[in-house]
């Protein structure tokens, strides 16, 4: 990876501070060598030579004054354009880049082409370097092959984190976000048996490029996965790529938001506990109290989307006076001299709120014993011991009883 920082090194506190910052972040990435040079090809040549000499993180640098001397001592494999003609150059007695430069330029151009001379001039800073544009693929799909067999599903996160960093770079370059991803893995040919491969799909309610959040969701799913055979290769694929408009981050520390959002928390809990254990309410177009809402998985398409994407339902104003707790099964109240009793006589404070609905759904009995809600008068009542209650009087013929249906805080 080439970092062109000559024109913006001051923004990072100078070249030395920037190099120290990059060196500190290298352990998080698969970095083998790090070099600093006035030209890109010179930095590449130094990296290649260090990698060939010793494993692990190696560093090297050269200035503009020592550039020619440093490159002259490098072997022919340091530059790709020179290495392509290495057999012929070695028969001519060339072992280093300095010996290649001493050859007649006219003869080199006719025999090896202009690309070799152009690469040498760019590496030594004699010609301006040009970089070809990189065209990103329309779809993201990256694979990683392990050096050893992976026996535990959680260990796949080591390779998945590296692929997620590639996904983030791809999304940032395209100014997009992903609404999901799929992690595929290939089992070992020797011990896989009938299980050739496996996969895990992770979905989010909104497009995001926050790979830390995606990594948490993926880790939760892998924590509940058992591998049928050792894994030798994984592949990460992005799903639902959408254009993502972001807001510039504030330079003031107090304006920066830390932690995860509510939606990210819901998705992480759904992945850990299961979608059926994390629910959210969804308003329904029904006047009957116990059927005004339905509980759906918060991570599903209907419950996980933003409020703007949900179907807007006009809620009547009287709903604001309804209690927060509705009994699953109404309790029939005792009556003395036409006054309902619940831990003592009840005093009616407000009402009636007449409800005449549900006549169309008598055939749709849900099993709660409360399918006929066509004729009711609701009241807010006060009990000396129980507090505020929500009661109703049945107006159906032959049943004029009182029932307790809700409790206020």
Protein backbone atom coordinates (compact mmCIF):
# COMPACT_ATOMS: atom_id res chain seq x y z
CA UNK A 1 0.00 0.00 0.00
CA UNK A 2 1.35 3.39 -1.05
CA UNK A 3 0.70 6.48 1.10
CA UNK A 4 1.48 9.74 -0.71
CA UNK A 5 1.91 12.16 2.22
CA UNK A 6 4.56 14.58 1.03
CA UNK A 7 2.09 17.46 0.58
CA UNK A 8 0.15 16.84 3.81
CA UNK A 9 2.71 15.63 6.34
CA UNK A 10 2.29 18.80 8.45
CA UNK A 11 -1.36 17.94 9.11
CA UNK A 12 -0.17 14.86 11.04
CA UNK A 13 2.56 16.65 12.99
CA UNK A 14 5.37 15.99 10.56
CA UNK A 15 6.77 12.95 8.81
CA UNK A 16 8.29 11.45 11.97
CA UNK A 17 5.00 11.64 13.91
CA UNK A 18 3.05 10.18 11.01
CA UNK A 19 5.53 7.33 10.62
CA UNK A 20 5.31 6.58 14.34
CA UNK A 21 1.52 6.48 14.16
CA UNK A 22 1.58 4.11 11.19
CA UNK A 23 4.12 1.88 12.94
CA UNK A 24 1.88 1.67 16.01
CA UNK A 25 -1.09 0.55 13.90
CA UNK A 26 0.88 -2.04 11.92
CA UNK A 27 0.35 -4.87 14.46
CA UNK A 28 -3.41 -4.66 13.80
CA UNK A 29 -2.84 -5.32 10.08
CA UNK A 30 -0.85 -8.00 8.23
CA UNK A 31 2.14 -5.70 7.64
CA UNK A 32 5.51 -7.30 6.92
CA UNK A 33 7.68 -4.25 6.15
CA UNK A 34 7.53 -0.46 6.20
CA UNK A 35 9.71 1.96 4.23
CA UNK A 36 9.95 5.68 3.51
CA UNK A 37 11.44 7.08 0.30
CA UNK A 38 11.10 10.15 -1.96
CA UNK A 39 9.48 8.05 -4.73
CA UNK A 40 6.90 5.29 -4.69
CA UNK A 41 8.98 2.77 -6.66
CA UNK A 42 11.93 3.37 -4.36
CA UNK A 43 9.79 2.67 -1.30
CA UNK A 44 8.49 -0.48 -2.99
CA UNK A 45 12.02 -1.62 -3.79
CA UNK A 46 13.09 -1.18 -0.17
CA UNK A 47 10.07 -3.09 1.10
CA UNK A 48 10.73 -6.01 -1.22
CA UNK A 49 14.34 -6.31 -0.18
CA UNK A 50 13.50 -6.15 3.54
CA UNK A 51 10.84 -8.80 3.18
CA UNK A 52 13.28 -11.10 1.44
CA UNK A 53 15.91 -10.63 4.12
CA UNK A 54 14.02 -11.23 7.36
CA UNK A 55 10.46 -12.04 8.45
CA UNK A 56 8.36 -9.75 10.62
CA UNK A 57 8.02 -5.99 10.65
CA UNK A 58 11.12 -4.34 9.19
CA UNK A 59 11.63 -0.60 8.59
CA UNK A 60 13.92 1.34 6.29
CA UNK A 61 14.14 4.86 4.90
CA UNK A 62 16.23 7.01 2.59
CA UNK A 63 16.27 10.71 1.83
CA UNK A 64 16.50 12.51 -1.50
CA UNK A 65 20.25 12.90 -1.03
CA UNK A 66 20.85 9.18 -0.46
CA UNK A 67 18.20 7.93 -2.90
CA UNK A 68 20.55 7.06 -5.80
CA UNK A 69 23.13 5.40 -3.56
CA UNK A 70 20.51 3.28 -1.81
CA UNK A 71 18.84 2.10 -5.02
CA UNK A 72 22.14 1.33 -6.76
CA UNK A 73 22.94 -1.37 -4.21
CA UNK A 74 19.57 -3.19 -4.59
CA UNK A 75 19.23 -6.41 -6.63
CA UNK A 76 17.32 -6.75 -9.90
CA UNK A 77 14.26 -8.16 -8.14
CA UNK A 78 13.61 -4.81 -6.42
CA UNK A 79 11.76 -3.39 -9.46
CA UNK A 80 9.18 -5.40 -11.41
CA UNK A 81 10.12 -3.85 -14.76
CA UNK A 82 13.75 -4.90 -14.26
CA UNK A 83 12.94 -8.33 -12.82
CA UNK A 84 10.95 -9.19 -15.96
CA UNK A 85 14.22 -9.18 -17.96
CA UNK A 86 16.46 -10.57 -15.21
CA UNK A 87 17.74 -13.66 -17.13
CA UNK A 88 18.98 -11.52 -20.01
CA UNK A 89 20.42 -8.84 -17.73
CA UNK A 90 22.27 -11.44 -15.67
CA UNK A 91 23.89 -12.83 -18.83
CA UNK A 92 25.06 -9.28 -19.53
CA UNK A 93 26.75 -9.26 -16.11
CA UNK A 94 24.19 -7.09 -14.25
CA UNK A 95 23.51 -7.97 -10.62
CA UNK A 96 22.38 -4.60 -9.19
CA UNK A 97 20.32 -1.64 -10.38
CA UNK A 98 23.49 0.45 -10.66
CA UNK A 99 24.89 -1.93 -13.27
CA UNK A 100 21.62 -1.78 -15.22
CA UNK A 101 21.75 2.01 -15.30
CA UNK A 102 25.26 1.94 -16.77
CA UNK A 103 24.03 0.15 -19.90
CA UNK A 104 23.49 2.31 -23.02
CA UNK A 105 19.98 3.74 -22.92
CA UNK A 106 19.45 3.46 -26.66
CA UNK A 107 20.27 -0.22 -26.74
CA UNK A 108 18.16 -0.90 -23.64
CA UNK A 109 15.15 0.87 -25.17
CA UNK A 110 15.40 -1.18 -28.38
CA UNK A 111 15.97 -4.49 -26.62
CA UNK A 112 13.82 -4.26 -23.48
CA UNK A 113 11.31 -1.54 -24.36
CA UNK A 114 10.63 1.90 -22.94
CA UNK A 115 8.89 0.55 -19.81
CA UNK A 116 12.19 -0.47 -18.19
CA UNK A 117 13.81 2.93 -18.62
CA UNK A 118 10.64 4.68 -17.50
CA UNK A 119 10.53 2.61 -14.28
CA UNK A 120 14.18 3.38 -13.53
CA UNK A 121 13.68 7.12 -14.10
CA UNK A 122 10.61 7.18 -11.86
CA UNK A 123 12.33 5.22 -9.11
CA UNK A 124 15.35 7.59 -9.12
CA UNK A 125 13.12 10.69 -9.21
CA UNK A 126 14.11 11.71 -12.75
CA UNK A 127 10.54 11.52 -14.06
CA UNK A 128 7.18 12.33 -12.49
CA UNK A 129 5.33 9.27 -11.27
CA UNK A 130 1.84 8.56 -12.58
CA UNK A 131 -0.63 6.19 -10.96
CA UNK A 132 -3.34 4.31 -12.88
CA UNK A 133 -6.92 4.63 -11.63
CA UNK A 134 -8.23 1.63 -9.72
CA UNK A 135 -11.71 0.56 -10.83
CA UNK A 136 -13.54 -1.05 -7.94
CA UNK A 137 -15.72 -4.11 -8.66
CA UNK A 138 -19.48 -3.67 -8.63
CA UNK A 139 -19.85 -6.30 -5.91
CA UNK A 140 -17.63 -7.01 -2.92
CA UNK A 141 -16.39 -10.57 -2.50
CA UNK A 142 -13.05 -11.27 -0.82
CA UNK A 143 -11.56 -14.59 0.22
CA UNK A 144 -8.88 -15.60 2.69
CA UNK A 145 -7.10 -18.94 2.93
CA UNK A 146 -5.81 -20.00 6.35
CA UNK A 147 -2.33 -21.39 6.93
CA UNK A 148 -3.77 -24.01 9.29
CA UNK A 149 -7.12 -25.69 9.87
CA UNK A 150 -9.64 -23.87 12.06
CA UNK A 151 -11.52 -26.15 14.45
CA UNK A 152 -13.69 -23.61 16.36
CA UNK A 153 -16.18 -21.23 14.76
CA UNK A 154 -15.16 -18.26 16.97
CA UNK A 155 -11.62 -18.51 15.60
CA UNK A 156 -12.94 -17.54 12.16
CA UNK A 157 -13.22 -13.95 13.43
CA UNK A 158 -9.45 -13.54 13.09
CA UNK A 159 -9.70 -13.81 9.33
CA UNK A 160 -13.12 -12.17 9.16
CA UNK A 161 -11.76 -8.98 10.75
CA UNK A 162 -9.18 -8.68 7.98
CA UNK A 163 -11.88 -9.07 5.33
CA UNK A 164 -14.08 -6.54 7.13
CA UNK A 165 -11.31 -3.94 6.86
CA UNK A 166 -11.25 -4.54 3.10
CA UNK A 167 -15.04 -4.20 3.05
CA UNK A 168 -14.84 -0.86 4.86
CA UNK A 169 -12.31 0.50 2.36
CA UNK A 170 -14.51 -0.66 -0.51
CA UNK A 171 -17.63 0.96 0.97
CA UNK A 172 -15.84 4.24 1.73
CA UNK A 173 -14.45 4.44 -1.80
CA UNK A 174 -17.92 3.89 -3.27
CA UNK A 175 -19.63 6.13 -0.67
CA UNK A 176 -22.00 3.28 0.13
CA UNK A 177 -23.18 1.22 3.05
CA UNK A 178 -24.15 -2.44 3.35
CA UNK A 179 -27.38 -3.75 4.84
CA UNK A 180 -25.94 -7.20 5.33
CA UNK A 181 -23.09 -9.58 4.70
CA UNK A 182 -22.52 -13.30 4.27
CA UNK A 183 -19.54 -15.20 5.61
CA UNK A 184 -18.86 -18.42 3.68
CA UNK A 185 -16.37 -21.07 4.74
CA UNK A 186 -14.92 -24.10 3.03
CA UNK A 187 -14.29 -27.29 4.99
CA UNK A 188 -11.18 -29.40 4.80
CA UNK A 189 -11.26 -31.87 1.90
CA UNK A 190 -9.88 -34.67 4.06
CA UNK A 191 -12.31 -34.50 6.98
CA UNK A 192 -15.31 -32.60 5.66
CA UNK A 193 -17.45 -35.69 4.95
CA UNK A 194 -20.76 -34.60 3.48
CA UNK A 195 -20.46 -30.97 4.65
CA UNK A 196 -18.71 -29.16 1.82
CA UNK A 197 -19.21 -25.62 3.08
CA UNK A 198 -21.22 -23.42 5.42
CA UNK A 199 -22.30 -19.80 5.70
CA UNK A 200 -23.75 -17.21 8.07
CA UNK A 201 -25.88 -14.27 6.95
CA UNK A 202 -26.00 -11.06 9.00
CA UNK A 203 -28.58 -8.35 8.28
CA UNK A 204 -28.91 -4.79 9.55
CA UNK A 205 -31.94 -2.51 9.55
CA UNK A 206 -30.08 0.37 7.89
CA UNK A 207 -27.15 0.64 5.54
CA UNK A 208 -23.89 1.00 7.46
CA UNK A 209 -20.16 0.90 6.99
CA UNK A 210 -19.41 0.49 10.70
CA UNK A 211 -17.34 -2.68 10.55
CA UNK A 212 -17.04 -2.83 14.34
CA UNK A 213 -20.81 -3.23 14.62
CA UNK A 214 -20.81 -5.82 11.83
CA UNK A 215 -17.98 -7.68 13.58
CA UNK A 216 -19.99 -7.80 16.84
CA UNK A 217 -23.03 -9.22 15.04
CA UNK A 218 -20.89 -11.76 13.21
CA UNK A 219 -19.16 -12.80 16.45
CA UNK A 220 -22.54 -13.36 18.15
CA UNK A 221 -23.66 -15.67 15.33
CA UNK A 222 -20.36 -17.55 15.28
CA UNK A 223 -20.57 -18.02 19.03
CA UNK A 224 -23.71 -20.15 18.49
CA UNK A 225 -22.29 -22.07 15.51
CA UNK A 226 -20.66 -25.49 15.61
CA UNK A 227 -18.37 -26.44 12.74
CA UNK A 228 -18.97 -29.89 11.26
CA UNK A 229 -15.36 -30.08 10.02
CA UNK A 230 -12.18 -27.97 10.09
CA UNK A 231 -12.20 -24.82 7.93
CA UNK A 232 -9.39 -23.93 5.53
CA UNK A 233 -10.84 -20.91 3.71
CA UNK A 234 -13.41 -18.15 4.23
CA UNK A 235 -15.06 -15.67 1.90
CA UNK A 236 -16.91 -12.45 2.79
CA UNK A 237 -19.65 -11.08 0.55
CA UNK A 238 -21.57 -7.80 0.93
CA UNK A 239 -25.36 -7.73 0.56
CA UNK A 240 -27.75 -4.87 -0.09
CA UNK A 241 -25.22 -2.15 -0.99
CA UNK A 242 -26.89 1.28 -0.91
CA UNK A 243 -25.73 4.85 -1.30
CA UNK A 244 -24.95 6.30 2.14
CA UNK A 245 -24.87 10.01 2.95
CA UNK A 246 -22.74 10.77 5.98
CA UNK A 247 -22.19 13.89 8.06
CA UNK A 248 -18.70 15.27 8.65
CA UNK A 249 -17.36 14.57 12.13
CA UNK A 250 -16.99 17.55 14.44
CA UNK A 251 -13.52 18.69 15.43
CA UNK A 252 -14.75 19.39 18.99
CA UNK A 253 -14.39 16.40 21.35
CA UNK A 254 -17.61 17.20 23.23
CA UNK A 255 -19.64 16.97 20.00
CA UNK A 256 -18.47 13.47 19.17
CA UNK A 257 -20.95 10.72 19.96
CA UNK A 258 -19.48 7.69 21.69
CA UNK A 259 -20.98 4.25 22.06
CA UNK A 260 -23.43 2.38 19.86
CA UNK A 261 -26.87 3.57 18.78
CA UNK A 262 -30.16 2.07 19.92
CA UNK A 263 -30.60 0.25 16.62
CA UNK A 264 -27.14 -1.31 16.90
CA UNK A 265 -27.92 -2.45 20.46
CA UNK A 266 -31.19 -4.05 19.30
CA UNK A 267 -29.43 -5.88 16.47
CA UNK A 268 -26.67 -7.14 18.77
CA UNK A 269 -29.17 -8.37 21.38
CA UNK A 270 -31.23 -10.05 18.66
CA UNK A 271 -28.15 -11.87 17.42
CA UNK A 272 -27.22 -12.99 20.96
CA UNK A 273 -30.65 -13.90 22.38
CA UNK A 274 -32.50 -14.75 19.18
CA UNK A 275 -34.96 -12.60 17.18
CA UNK A 276 -37.97 -14.09 18.98
CA UNK A 277 -36.75 -12.71 22.35
CA UNK A 278 -36.26 -9.06 21.30
CA UNK A 279 -39.59 -7.60 20.21
CA UNK A 280 -40.98 -4.18 19.39
CA UNK A 281 -44.54 -2.96 19.18
CA UNK A 282 -46.22 -2.14 15.90
CA UNK A 283 -49.42 -0.11 15.80
CA UNK A 284 -52.45 -1.68 14.11
CA UNK A 285 -55.54 -0.03 12.67
CA UNK A 286 -57.94 -1.43 15.28
CA UNK A 287 -59.93 0.33 18.01
CA UNK A 288 -60.01 -2.69 20.33
CA UNK A 289 -57.47 -2.06 23.14
CA UNK A 290 -55.79 -5.46 23.18
CA UNK A 291 -55.54 -5.47 19.38
CA UNK A 292 -54.21 -1.97 18.79
CA UNK A 293 -50.68 -3.29 18.53
CA UNK A 294 -48.72 -6.40 17.65
CA UNK A 295 -45.32 -7.54 18.88
CA UNK A 296 -42.86 -8.40 16.11
CA UNK A 297 -39.14 -9.22 16.13
CA UNK A 298 -37.17 -5.99 16.31
CA UNK A 299 -34.62 -7.23 13.77
CA UNK A 300 -37.23 -8.25 11.18
CA UNK A 301 -38.06 -6.19 8.12
CA UNK A 302 -41.21 -4.74 9.70
CA UNK A 303 -39.85 -4.12 13.19
CA UNK A 304 -36.25 -3.22 12.42
CA UNK A 305 -36.72 -0.43 9.94
CA UNK A 306 -36.68 3.21 10.86
CA UNK A 307 -39.86 5.02 11.80
CA UNK A 308 -39.89 6.86 8.47
CA UNK A 309 -40.07 3.57 6.59
CA UNK A 310 -42.89 2.16 8.71
CA UNK A 311 -46.50 2.55 7.71
CA UNK A 312 -47.90 5.54 9.55
CA UNK A 313 -51.18 4.89 11.38
CA UNK A 314 -53.30 7.69 12.81
CA UNK A 315 -53.79 6.97 16.52
CA UNK A 316 -57.01 8.38 18.08
CA UNK A 317 -56.58 11.08 20.70
CA UNK A 318 -58.48 9.09 23.32
CA UNK A 319 -55.68 6.52 23.37
CA UNK A 320 -53.64 8.95 25.48
CA UNK A 321 -56.03 8.32 28.39
CA UNK A 322 -55.65 4.55 28.20
CA UNK A 323 -53.63 2.84 30.94
CA UNK A 324 -50.13 1.49 30.24
CA UNK A 325 -51.00 -2.01 31.52
CA UNK A 326 -53.80 -3.98 29.84
CA UNK A 327 -54.86 -7.26 31.42
CA UNK A 328 -54.53 -10.27 29.16
CA UNK A 329 -57.91 -11.53 30.44
CA UNK A 330 -60.46 -8.99 31.85
CA UNK A 331 -61.57 -9.66 35.44
CA UNK A 332 -65.27 -9.63 36.20
CA UNK A 333 -66.08 -7.31 39.11
CA UNK A 334 -68.59 -7.77 41.87
CA UNK A 335 -71.51 -5.32 41.88
CA UNK A 336 -73.42 -4.01 44.89
CA UNK A 337 -76.38 -1.73 44.23
CA UNK A 338 -75.20 -1.17 40.63
CA UNK A 339 -71.75 -0.07 41.86
CA UNK A 340 -68.67 -2.09 40.82
CA UNK A 341 -66.31 -3.26 43.57
CA UNK A 342 -62.56 -3.95 43.50
CA UNK A 343 -60.87 -3.90 46.91
CA UNK A 344 -63.68 -1.65 47.95
CA UNK A 345 -66.24 0.54 46.14
CA UNK A 346 -65.06 2.23 42.94
CA UNK A 347 -65.63 5.91 42.18
CA UNK A 348 -66.10 6.74 38.49
CA UNK A 349 -63.90 9.71 37.53
CA UNK A 350 -64.20 9.89 33.73
CA UNK A 351 -66.23 8.26 31.01
CA UNK A 352 -67.95 6.71 29.36
CA UNK A 353 -65.79 6.03 26.29
CA UNK A 354 -68.08 4.01 24.07
CA UNK A 355 -66.55 1.30 21.91
CA UNK A 356 -68.51 -0.37 19.15
CA UNK A 357 -66.08 -2.42 17.08
CA UNK A 358 -65.04 -5.96 16.31
CA UNK A 359 -68.28 -7.09 14.72
CA UNK A 360 -66.37 -8.02 11.55
CA UNK A 361 -63.94 -10.31 13.35
CA UNK A 362 -66.19 -12.66 15.36
CA UNK A 363 -65.03 -15.57 13.24
CA UNK A 364 -61.39 -14.76 14.06
CA UNK A 365 -61.31 -15.88 17.66
CA UNK A 366 -57.69 -15.72 18.83
CA UNK A 367 -58.29 -17.96 21.81
CA UNK A 368 -58.16 -15.23 24.45
CA UNK A 369 -61.90 -15.47 25.10
CA UNK A 370 -62.36 -11.80 24.23
CA UNK A 371 -63.28 -11.77 20.57
CA UNK A 372 -66.60 -9.87 20.93
CA UNK A 373 -65.71 -6.22 21.66
CA UNK A 374 -68.62 -4.55 19.96
CA UNK A 375 -70.60 -3.01 22.84
CA UNK A 376 -68.57 -1.57 25.74
CA UNK A 377 -68.48 1.61 27.81
CA UNK A 378 -65.05 2.32 29.38
CA UNK A 379 -64.57 4.38 32.57
CA UNK A 380 -61.64 5.61 34.62
CA UNK A 381 -62.34 4.59 38.22
CA UNK A 382 -60.56 5.13 41.51
CA UNK A 383 -60.10 2.58 44.26
CA UNK A 384 -58.94 3.48 47.76
CA UNK A 385 -56.50 0.58 47.86
CA UNK A 386 -55.78 -0.21 44.18
CA UNK A 387 -55.53 3.34 42.78
CA UNK A 388 -56.67 4.26 39.29
CA UNK A 389 -58.29 1.51 37.25
CA UNK A 390 -59.69 1.19 33.75
CA UNK A 391 -63.01 -0.64 33.80
CA UNK A 392 -65.79 -1.20 31.33
CA UNK A 393 -69.46 -2.14 31.39
CA UNK A 394 -70.68 -4.73 28.95
CA UNK A 395 -73.65 -3.48 26.95
CA UNK A 396 -74.48 -6.74 25.23
CA UNK A 397 -77.99 -8.06 25.76
CA UNK A 398 -78.19 -10.39 28.74
CA UNK A 399 -74.74 -9.39 30.13
CA UNK A 400 -74.59 -6.02 31.91
CA UNK A 401 -71.60 -6.92 34.09
CA UNK A 402 -68.55 -4.76 34.94
CA UNK A 403 -64.98 -5.83 34.08
CA UNK A 404 -61.49 -4.63 35.04
CA UNK A 405 -59.36 -4.26 31.90
CA UNK A 406 -56.40 -2.02 32.76
CA UNK A 407 -54.33 -0.58 35.59
CA UNK A 408 -52.64 2.84 35.79
CA UNK A 409 -49.26 3.34 37.41
